[in-house]
Amino acid sequence: MRSYSAPIRPNLEGDEDNELVVRVANGNLLVFDNNGNSSNPSFVYSSSKTDSLQFDEKKFNHAPFFVDIDGDNDTDLISGKEDGELTFFKNNGNYTHFLSPSG
C-alpha cells in the first residue's frame, strides 16, 4: 500500500469475520476477503467486491465508514468528501453491491 491509504475492517458479508477495505491515494476502495476467522485472519484480494465499491464520484478524497445506518441488517457505506459533505451508499442486501446516491 502507498501513502494516503486508509484501512478499515467492516463486516461486508454479515458473517463471523471482518473483511479488509483500504482506501488508496487515487480514491479507490480495495476489498480483501477474510478467508480465515476473527482470531486468525487471512486476507485475499477480491476483485468482485472491489468492483462493487467503485463509484462515479472519483473526486472523493473520502473517509469511508461502514455501518447499518438504515437498520435493515446489512452494512451500508457513508463517505465523507473533502468539502465535508457526507454521502450515503445503501447496501442492497446481498453484502456485495452498494447503490450510489441518487441525484
C-alpha atoms as a PDB file:
ATOM      1  CA  MET A   1       0.000   0.000   0.000  1.00  0.00           C
ATOM      2  CA  ARG A   2       1.141   3.519  -0.699  1.00  0.00           C
ATOM      3  CA  SER A   3       0.800   6.714   1.247  1.00  0.00           C
ATOM      4  CA  TYR A   4      -2.683   8.052   1.988  1.00  0.00           C
ATOM      5  CA  SER A   5      -4.083   4.547   2.444  1.00  0.00           C
ATOM      6  CA  ALA A   6      -6.858   4.193   4.994  1.00  0.00           C
ATOM      7  CA  PRO A   7      -7.609   0.615   6.120  1.00  0.00           C
ATOM      8  CA  ILE A   8     -10.876  -0.318   7.819  1.00  0.00           C
ATOM      9  CA  ARG A   9     -12.352  -3.697   8.824  1.00  0.00           C
ATOM     10  CA  PRO A  10     -16.105  -3.842   8.092  1.00  0.00           C
ATOM     11  CA  ASN A  11     -18.191  -6.997   8.084  1.00  0.00           C
ATOM     12  CA  LEU A  12     -19.440  -6.787   4.490  1.00  0.00           C
ATOM     13  CA  GLU A  13     -20.869 -10.302   4.281  1.00  0.00           C
ATOM     14  CA  GLY A  14     -22.756 -10.462   7.571  1.00  0.00           C
ATOM     15  CA  ASP A  15     -20.743 -13.471   8.685  1.00  0.00           C
ATOM     16  CA  GLU A  16     -18.493 -14.002  11.701  1.00  0.00           C
ATOM     17  CA  ASP A  17     -15.369 -12.331  10.317  1.00  0.00           C
ATOM     18  CA  ASN A  18     -14.465  -8.885   9.078  1.00  0.00           C
ATOM     19  CA  GLU A  19     -13.104  -8.107   5.629  1.00  0.00           C
ATOM     20  CA  LEU A  20     -10.395  -5.513   4.996  1.00  0.00           C
ATOM     21  CA  VAL A  21     -11.190  -2.425   2.909  1.00  0.00           C
ATOM     22  CA  VAL A  22      -8.417   0.002   2.035  1.00  0.00           C
ATOM     23  CA  ARG A  23      -8.901   3.453   0.517  1.00  0.00           C
ATOM     24  CA  VAL A  24      -5.861   4.179  -1.622  1.00  0.00           C
ATOM     25  CA  ALA A  25      -4.431   7.516  -2.795  1.00  0.00           C
ATOM     26  CA  ASN A  26      -6.481   7.685  -6.011  1.00  0.00           C
ATOM     27  CA  GLY A  27      -9.752   7.322  -4.057  1.00  0.00           C
ATOM     28  CA  ASN A  28     -10.428   3.700  -4.991  1.00  0.00           C
ATOM     29  CA  LEU A  29     -11.522   1.210  -2.364  1.00  0.00           C
ATOM     30  CA  LEU A  30      -9.812  -2.201  -2.412  1.00  0.00           C
ATOM     31  CA  VAL A  31     -11.558  -5.146  -0.739  1.00  0.00           C
ATOM     32  CA  PHE A  32      -9.810  -8.143   0.773  1.00  0.00           C
ATOM     33  CA  ASP A  33     -11.893 -11.159   1.858  1.00  0.00           C
ATOM     34  CA  ASN A  34     -11.089 -12.718   5.195  1.00  0.00           C
ATOM     35  CA  ASN A  35     -10.604 -16.414   4.419  1.00  0.00           C
ATOM     36  CA  GLY A  36      -9.538 -17.066   7.995  1.00  0.00           C
ATOM     37  CA  ASN A  37     -11.529 -16.184  11.081  1.00  0.00           C
ATOM     38  CA  SER A  38     -11.719 -13.356  13.581  1.00  0.00           C
ATOM     39  CA  SER A  39      -8.818 -14.656  15.682  1.00  0.00           C
ATOM     40  CA  ASN A  40      -6.610 -15.732  12.775  1.00  0.00           C
ATOM     41  CA  PRO A  41      -7.468 -13.579   9.716  1.00  0.00           C
ATOM     42  CA  SER A  42      -6.171 -14.373   6.240  1.00  0.00           C
ATOM     43  CA  PHE A  43      -6.879 -11.613   3.704  1.00  0.00           C
ATOM     44  CA  VAL A  44      -7.128 -12.267  -0.038  1.00  0.00           C
ATOM     45  CA  TYR A  45      -7.858  -9.569  -2.639  1.00  0.00           C
ATOM     46  CA  SER A  46     -11.408  -9.778  -4.041  1.00  0.00           C
ATOM     47  CA  SER A  47     -11.811  -8.209  -7.471  1.00  0.00           C
ATOM     48  CA  SER A  48     -15.613  -8.745  -7.489  1.00  0.00           C
ATOM     49  CA  LYS A  49     -16.138  -6.964  -4.161  1.00  0.00           C
ATOM     50  CA  THR A  50     -13.656  -4.266  -5.138  1.00  0.00           C
ATOM     51  CA  ASP A  51     -15.647  -3.684  -8.342  1.00  0.00           C
ATOM     52  CA  SER A  52     -18.870  -3.314  -6.314  1.00  0.00           C
ATOM     53  CA  LEU A  53     -17.331  -0.432  -4.326  1.00  0.00           C
ATOM     54  CA  GLN A  54     -16.245   1.724  -7.265  1.00  0.00           C
ATOM     55  CA  PHE A  55     -18.280   4.859  -7.704  1.00  0.00           C
ATOM     56  CA  ASP A  56     -18.543   7.566 -10.315  1.00  0.00           C
ATOM     57  CA  GLU A  57     -17.650  10.162  -7.720  1.00  0.00           C
ATOM     58  CA  LYS A  58     -13.870   9.795  -8.014  1.00  0.00           C
ATOM     59  CA  LYS A  59     -13.476  13.336  -6.763  1.00  0.00           C
ATOM     60  CA  PHE A  60     -13.663  11.875  -3.273  1.00  0.00           C
ATOM     61  CA  ASN A  61     -10.685  12.192  -1.039  1.00  0.00           C
ATOM     62  CA  HIS A  62     -13.017  10.252   1.115  1.00  0.00           C
ATOM     63  CA  ALA A  63     -13.042   8.685   4.523  1.00  0.00           C
ATOM     64  CA  PRO A  64     -15.244   5.586   4.201  1.00  0.00           C
ATOM     65  CA  PHE A  65     -17.191   4.286   7.182  1.00  0.00           C
ATOM     66  CA  PHE A  66     -19.350   1.148   7.180  1.00  0.00           C
ATOM     67  CA  VAL A  67     -22.416   0.910   9.422  1.00  0.00           C
ATOM     68  CA  ASP A  68     -26.011  -0.321   9.216  1.00  0.00           C
ATOM     69  CA  ILE A  69     -27.406   3.208   9.076  1.00  0.00           C
ATOM     70  CA  ASP A  70     -30.901   2.289   7.859  1.00  0.00           C
ATOM     71  CA  GLY A  71     -31.499  -0.603  10.297  1.00  0.00           C
ATOM     72  CA  ASP A  72     -32.039  -3.315   7.670  1.00  0.00           C
ATOM     73  CA  ASN A  73     -29.301  -5.669   8.980  1.00  0.00           C
ATOM     74  CA  ASP A  74     -26.733  -5.074   6.260  1.00  0.00           C
ATOM     75  CA  THR A  75     -23.640  -2.886   6.227  1.00  0.00           C
ATOM     76  CA  ASP A  76     -24.067   0.425   4.396  1.00  0.00           C
ATOM     77  CA  LEU A  77     -21.325   2.877   3.435  1.00  0.00           C
ATOM     78  CA  ILE A  78     -21.030   6.515   4.446  1.00  0.00           C
ATOM     79  CA  SER A  79     -18.256   8.503   2.868  1.00  0.00           C
ATOM     80  CA  GLY A  80     -17.045  11.984   3.673  1.00  0.00           C
ATOM     81  CA  LYS A  81     -15.757  14.202   0.880  1.00  0.00           C
ATOM     82  CA  GLU A  82     -13.021  16.838   1.010  1.00  0.00           C
ATOM     83  CA  ASP A  83     -15.619  19.612   1.316  1.00  0.00           C
ATOM     84  CA  GLY A  84     -17.128  17.999   4.433  1.00  0.00           C
ATOM     85  CA  GLU A  85     -20.237  16.643   2.684  1.00  0.00           C
ATOM     86  CA  LEU A  86     -21.324  13.120   3.647  1.00  0.00           C
ATOM     87  CA  THR A  87     -22.645  10.689   1.042  1.00  0.00           C
ATOM     88  CA  PHE A  88     -24.706   7.577   1.873  1.00  0.00           C
ATOM     89  CA  PHE A  89     -24.405   4.413  -0.226  1.00  0.00           C
ATOM     90  CA  LYS A  90     -27.107   1.865   0.587  1.00  0.00           C
ATOM     91  CA  ASN A  91     -26.219  -1.820   0.597  1.00  0.00           C
ATOM     92  CA  ASN A  92     -28.882  -3.531  -1.498  1.00  0.00           C
ATOM     93  CA  GLY A  93     -28.973  -6.518   0.830  1.00  0.00           C
ATOM     94  CA  ASN A  94     -26.517  -9.004  -0.636  1.00  0.00           C
ATOM     95  CA  TYR A  95     -23.431  -7.589   1.136  1.00  0.00           C
ATOM     96  CA  THR A  96     -21.582  -7.099  -2.131  1.00  0.00           C
ATOM     97  CA  HIS A  97     -23.335  -4.287  -4.004  1.00  0.00           C
ATOM     98  CA  PHE A  98     -23.748  -0.722  -2.834  1.00  0.00           C
ATOM     99  CA  LEU A  99     -26.150   1.630  -4.571  1.00  0.00           C
ATOM    100  CA  SER A 100     -24.735   5.021  -5.498  1.00  0.00           C
ATOM    101  CA  PRO A 101     -26.658   8.019  -4.221  1.00  0.00           C
ATOM    102  CA  SER A 102     -29.333   9.411  -6.498  1.00  0.00           C
ATOM    103  CA  GLY A 103     -29.205  12.872  -7.955  1.00  0.00           C
END
